[in-house]
């Protein structure tokens, strides 16, 4: 387990769903792309239980992802949009296989 600050220093990338990067998505705004890139590594680590010192905001985000709470900030909103986009792409890939 690593501290949350470690993950905030790591830019998040998703080469599978966004091979050209988040900035080249027509569905994400520039701000959403930056928020996902900046906070995505932390959020991904939180979802895997790898963060040593999660904050109350981190725990709220996990509730938002689990659909147990409503998003209350732009980071949570951007991550939900990212999840919806990646799940839709994954579902589409499964149907065509």
N, C-alpha and C. Protein backbone atom coordinates (compact mmCIF):
# COMPACT_ATOMS: atom_id res chain seq x y z
N UNK A 1 0.84 -1.19 0.00
CA UNK A 1 0.00 0.00 0.00
C UNK A 1 0.88 1.24 0.00
N UNK A 2 0.46 2.17 -0.78
CA UNK A 2 1.20 3.43 -0.89
C UNK A 2 0.30 4.59 -0.49
N UNK A 3 0.90 5.72 -0.06
CA UNK A 3 0.09 6.88 0.30
C UNK A 3 -0.59 7.48 -0.93
N UNK A 4 -1.71 8.13 -0.70
CA UNK A 4 -2.49 8.71 -1.81
C UNK A 4 -1.67 9.70 -2.61
N UNK A 5 -0.73 10.41 -1.98
CA UNK A 5 0.09 11.39 -2.67
C UNK A 5 0.91 10.75 -3.80
N UNK A 6 1.31 9.51 -3.58
CA UNK A 6 2.05 8.78 -4.62
C UNK A 6 1.21 8.68 -5.89
N UNK A 7 -0.04 8.32 -5.74
CA UNK A 7 -0.91 8.13 -6.91
C UNK A 7 -1.27 9.45 -7.58
N UNK A 8 -1.34 10.52 -6.80
CA UNK A 8 -1.66 11.83 -7.40
C UNK A 8 -0.53 12.34 -8.28
N UNK A 9 0.67 11.81 -8.09
CA UNK A 9 1.81 12.21 -8.92
C UNK A 9 1.87 11.42 -10.23
N UNK A 10 1.06 10.36 -10.33
CA UNK A 10 1.09 9.49 -11.50
C UNK A 10 -0.01 9.89 -12.48
N UNK A 11 0.33 10.28 -13.69
CA UNK A 11 -0.74 10.57 -14.66
C UNK A 11 -1.42 9.27 -15.07
N UNK A 12 -2.74 9.31 -15.17
CA UNK A 12 -3.53 8.14 -15.52
C UNK A 12 -3.70 8.07 -17.04
N UNK A 13 -3.54 6.87 -17.57
CA UNK A 13 -3.74 6.63 -18.99
C UNK A 13 -4.57 5.36 -19.15
N UNK A 14 -5.35 5.33 -20.20
CA UNK A 14 -6.12 4.14 -20.53
C UNK A 14 -5.93 3.91 -22.03
N UNK A 15 -4.86 3.23 -22.36
CA UNK A 15 -4.51 3.01 -23.77
C UNK A 15 -5.51 2.09 -24.47
N UNK A 16 -6.19 1.25 -23.70
CA UNK A 16 -7.17 0.34 -24.31
C UNK A 16 -8.37 1.10 -24.87
N UNK A 17 -8.94 1.99 -24.06
CA UNK A 17 -10.14 2.72 -24.47
C UNK A 17 -9.85 4.09 -25.07
N UNK A 18 -8.71 4.66 -24.75
CA UNK A 18 -8.33 5.98 -25.25
C UNK A 18 -6.89 5.94 -25.77
N UNK A 19 -6.64 5.23 -26.87
CA UNK A 19 -5.26 5.07 -27.35
C UNK A 19 -4.59 6.39 -27.72
N UNK A 20 -5.36 7.39 -28.10
CA UNK A 20 -4.78 8.70 -28.44
C UNK A 20 -4.78 9.65 -27.25
N UNK A 21 -5.26 9.19 -26.10
CA UNK A 21 -5.31 10.02 -24.90
C UNK A 21 -6.70 10.59 -24.68
N UNK A 22 -6.94 11.04 -23.46
CA UNK A 22 -8.25 11.56 -23.09
C UNK A 22 -8.58 12.86 -23.82
N UNK A 23 -7.56 13.65 -24.15
CA UNK A 23 -7.79 14.93 -24.81
C UNK A 23 -8.38 14.78 -26.20
N UNK A 24 -8.27 13.60 -26.78
CA UNK A 24 -8.76 13.37 -28.14
C UNK A 24 -10.14 12.73 -28.16
N UNK A 25 -10.77 12.64 -27.00
CA UNK A 25 -12.12 12.09 -26.93
C UNK A 25 -13.12 13.19 -27.25
N UNK A 26 -14.06 12.88 -28.12
CA UNK A 26 -15.09 13.86 -28.45
C UNK A 26 -16.17 13.90 -27.37
N UNK A 27 -16.17 12.94 -26.45
CA UNK A 27 -17.20 12.87 -25.42
C UNK A 27 -16.78 13.52 -24.10
N UNK A 28 -15.50 13.77 -23.92
CA UNK A 28 -15.00 14.41 -22.70
C UNK A 28 -14.65 15.85 -22.97
N UNK A 29 -14.99 16.72 -22.04
CA UNK A 29 -14.54 18.11 -22.16
C UNK A 29 -13.06 18.16 -21.80
N UNK A 30 -12.41 19.24 -22.12
CA UNK A 30 -11.00 19.40 -21.78
C UNK A 30 -10.77 19.31 -20.28
N UNK A 31 -11.68 19.88 -19.51
CA UNK A 31 -11.56 19.84 -18.04
C UNK A 31 -11.72 18.40 -17.56
N UNK A 32 -12.72 17.68 -18.08
CA UNK A 32 -12.92 16.29 -17.68
C UNK A 32 -11.70 15.44 -18.01
N UNK A 33 -11.13 15.64 -19.19
CA UNK A 33 -9.93 14.89 -19.58
C UNK A 33 -8.80 15.15 -18.60
N UNK A 34 -8.59 16.41 -18.22
CA UNK A 34 -7.52 16.74 -17.27
C UNK A 34 -7.79 16.14 -15.90
N UNK A 35 -9.04 16.17 -15.45
CA UNK A 35 -9.36 15.60 -14.13
C UNK A 35 -9.14 14.10 -14.11
N UNK A 36 -9.52 13.42 -15.17
CA UNK A 36 -9.31 11.96 -15.24
C UNK A 36 -7.83 11.64 -15.27
N UNK A 37 -7.08 12.38 -16.07
CA UNK A 37 -5.63 12.14 -16.16
C UNK A 37 -4.96 12.42 -14.80
N UNK A 38 -5.39 13.47 -14.10
CA UNK A 38 -4.76 13.85 -12.83
C UNK A 38 -5.15 12.93 -11.68
N UNK A 39 -6.42 12.55 -11.60
CA UNK A 39 -6.92 11.79 -10.44
C UNK A 39 -7.15 10.32 -10.72
N UNK A 40 -7.07 9.89 -11.96
CA UNK A 40 -7.40 8.52 -12.32
C UNK A 40 -6.54 7.46 -11.66
N UNK A 41 -5.25 7.69 -11.54
CA UNK A 41 -4.38 6.69 -10.90
C UNK A 41 -4.78 6.51 -9.44
N UNK A 42 -5.10 7.60 -8.76
CA UNK A 42 -5.55 7.51 -7.36
C UNK A 42 -6.89 6.76 -7.30
N UNK A 43 -7.82 7.12 -8.15
CA UNK A 43 -9.14 6.48 -8.11
C UNK A 43 -9.01 4.99 -8.42
N UNK A 44 -8.21 4.66 -9.39
CA UNK A 44 -8.01 3.25 -9.75
C UNK A 44 -7.42 2.49 -8.56
N UNK A 45 -6.44 3.09 -7.87
CA UNK A 45 -5.83 2.45 -6.70
C UNK A 45 -6.83 2.34 -5.55
N UNK A 46 -7.67 3.36 -5.37
CA UNK A 46 -8.71 3.30 -4.33
C UNK A 46 -9.65 2.13 -4.58
N UNK A 47 -10.04 1.95 -5.82
CA UNK A 47 -10.95 0.86 -6.18
C UNK A 47 -10.34 -0.51 -5.91
N UNK A 48 -9.04 -0.59 -5.97
CA UNK A 48 -8.33 -1.86 -5.72
C UNK A 48 -7.92 -1.99 -4.25
N UNK A 49 -8.23 -0.99 -3.42
CA UNK A 49 -7.86 -1.04 -2.01
C UNK A 49 -6.38 -0.89 -1.75
N UNK A 50 -5.69 -0.14 -2.61
CA UNK A 50 -4.24 -0.02 -2.51
C UNK A 50 -3.75 1.29 -1.90
N UNK A 51 -4.64 2.13 -1.42
CA UNK A 51 -4.25 3.43 -0.87
C UNK A 51 -4.17 3.33 0.65
N UNK A 52 -3.03 3.70 1.20
CA UNK A 52 -2.79 3.54 2.64
C UNK A 52 -3.58 4.53 3.48
N UNK A 53 -3.83 5.70 2.96
CA UNK A 53 -4.45 6.75 3.78
C UNK A 53 -5.60 7.46 3.06
N UNK A 54 -6.67 6.73 2.72
CA UNK A 54 -7.78 7.38 2.01
C UNK A 54 -8.46 8.44 2.89
N UNK A 55 -8.89 9.49 2.25
CA UNK A 55 -9.58 10.58 2.96
C UNK A 55 -11.09 10.32 2.95
N UNK A 56 -11.82 11.18 3.65
CA UNK A 56 -13.28 11.08 3.62
C UNK A 56 -13.79 11.29 2.20
N UNK A 57 -13.14 12.19 1.45
CA UNK A 57 -13.54 12.42 0.06
C UNK A 57 -13.30 11.17 -0.80
N UNK A 58 -12.20 10.48 -0.53
CA UNK A 58 -11.90 9.24 -1.25
C UNK A 58 -12.98 8.20 -0.98
N UNK A 59 -13.36 8.07 0.28
CA UNK A 59 -14.39 7.09 0.65
C UNK A 59 -15.74 7.46 0.03
N UNK A 60 -16.02 8.77 -0.06
CA UNK A 60 -17.26 9.20 -0.71
C UNK A 60 -17.22 8.83 -2.19
N UNK A 61 -16.09 9.03 -2.83
CA UNK A 61 -15.95 8.67 -4.24
C UNK A 61 -16.23 7.19 -4.47
N UNK A 62 -15.74 6.35 -3.58
CA UNK A 62 -16.01 4.92 -3.71
C UNK A 62 -17.50 4.63 -3.59
N UNK A 63 -18.19 5.37 -2.73
CA UNK A 63 -19.65 5.22 -2.63
C UNK A 63 -20.34 5.67 -3.90
N UNK A 64 -19.83 6.74 -4.50
CA UNK A 64 -20.39 7.22 -5.76
C UNK A 64 -20.23 6.15 -6.84
N UNK A 65 -19.05 5.57 -6.92
CA UNK A 65 -18.79 4.53 -7.91
C UNK A 65 -19.70 3.32 -7.70
N UNK A 66 -19.97 3.01 -6.43
CA UNK A 66 -20.84 1.87 -6.09
C UNK A 66 -22.32 2.25 -6.17
N UNK A 67 -22.61 3.47 -6.60
CA UNK A 67 -23.99 3.98 -6.73
C UNK A 67 -24.71 4.03 -5.40
N UNK A 68 -23.95 4.32 -4.33
CA UNK A 68 -24.52 4.47 -3.00
C UNK A 68 -24.59 5.92 -2.58
N UNK A 69 -24.09 6.82 -3.43
CA UNK A 69 -24.11 8.26 -3.15
C UNK A 69 -24.07 8.99 -4.48
N UNK A 70 -24.53 10.24 -4.45
CA UNK A 70 -24.53 11.07 -5.65
C UNK A 70 -23.19 11.80 -5.76
N UNK A 71 -22.72 12.05 -6.98
CA UNK A 71 -21.47 12.81 -7.13
C UNK A 71 -21.65 14.23 -6.62
N UNK A 72 -20.61 14.74 -5.97
CA UNK A 72 -20.70 16.09 -5.41
C UNK A 72 -19.61 17.03 -5.91
N UNK A 73 -18.76 16.56 -6.81
CA UNK A 73 -17.73 17.45 -7.35
C UNK A 73 -17.37 17.04 -8.78
N UNK A 74 -16.65 17.90 -9.49
CA UNK A 74 -16.33 17.60 -10.89
C UNK A 74 -15.49 16.34 -11.10
N UNK A 75 -14.65 15.99 -10.15
CA UNK A 75 -13.83 14.78 -10.29
C UNK A 75 -14.74 13.56 -10.30
N UNK A 76 -15.67 13.51 -9.37
CA UNK A 76 -16.59 12.37 -9.31
C UNK A 76 -17.45 12.30 -10.57
N UNK A 77 -17.91 13.43 -11.05
CA UNK A 77 -18.73 13.46 -12.26
C UNK A 77 -17.92 12.99 -13.48
N UNK A 78 -16.68 13.46 -13.58
CA UNK A 78 -15.83 13.06 -14.70
C UNK A 78 -15.54 11.57 -14.65
N UNK A 79 -15.29 11.03 -13.46
CA UNK A 79 -14.98 9.61 -13.36
C UNK A 79 -16.19 8.76 -13.72
N UNK A 80 -17.38 9.17 -13.30
CA UNK A 80 -18.57 8.43 -13.69
C UNK A 80 -18.76 8.44 -15.20
N UNK A 81 -18.47 9.56 -15.82
CA UNK A 81 -18.57 9.63 -17.29
C UNK A 81 -17.54 8.70 -17.92
N UNK A 82 -16.33 8.72 -17.40
CA UNK A 82 -15.28 7.81 -17.90
C UNK A 82 -15.72 6.36 -17.77
N UNK A 83 -16.26 5.99 -16.60
CA UNK A 83 -16.72 4.61 -16.40
C UNK A 83 -17.82 4.25 -17.38
N UNK A 84 -18.76 5.14 -17.59
CA UNK A 84 -19.85 4.88 -18.53
C UNK A 84 -19.31 4.67 -19.93
N UNK A 85 -18.34 5.46 -20.32
CA UNK A 85 -17.76 5.34 -21.65
C UNK A 85 -17.00 4.02 -21.80
N UNK A 86 -16.24 3.63 -20.80
CA UNK A 86 -15.45 2.41 -20.91
C UNK A 86 -16.33 1.17 -20.82
N UNK A 87 -17.37 1.24 -20.01
CA UNK A 87 -18.29 0.09 -19.91
C UNK A 87 -19.06 -0.08 -21.20
N UNK A 88 -19.47 1.02 -21.80
CA UNK A 88 -20.20 0.96 -23.06
C UNK A 88 -19.31 0.36 -24.15
N UNK A 89 -18.05 0.77 -24.17
CA UNK A 89 -17.11 0.23 -25.17
C UNK A 89 -16.87 -1.25 -24.94
N UNK A 90 -16.72 -1.65 -23.67
CA UNK A 90 -16.49 -3.06 -23.36
C UNK A 90 -17.70 -3.91 -23.72
N UNK A 91 -18.89 -3.40 -23.45
CA UNK A 91 -20.11 -4.13 -23.80
C UNK A 91 -20.21 -4.29 -25.30
N UNK A 92 -19.89 -3.24 -26.04
CA UNK A 92 -19.93 -3.30 -27.49
C UNK A 92 -18.94 -4.31 -28.03
N UNK A 93 -17.77 -4.40 -27.41
CA UNK A 93 -16.77 -5.36 -27.86
C UNK A 93 -17.25 -6.79 -27.61
N UNK A 94 -17.88 -7.03 -26.48
CA UNK A 94 -18.36 -8.37 -26.16
C UNK A 94 -19.46 -8.80 -27.13
N UNK A 95 -20.33 -7.89 -27.49
CA UNK A 95 -21.44 -8.24 -28.38
C UNK A 95 -20.93 -8.60 -29.78
N UNK A 96 -19.85 -7.95 -30.21
CA UNK A 96 -19.36 -8.21 -31.55
C UNK A 96 -18.46 -9.43 -31.62
N UNK A 97 -18.04 -9.92 -30.47
CA UNK A 97 -17.13 -11.08 -30.46
C UNK A 97 -17.86 -12.38 -30.71
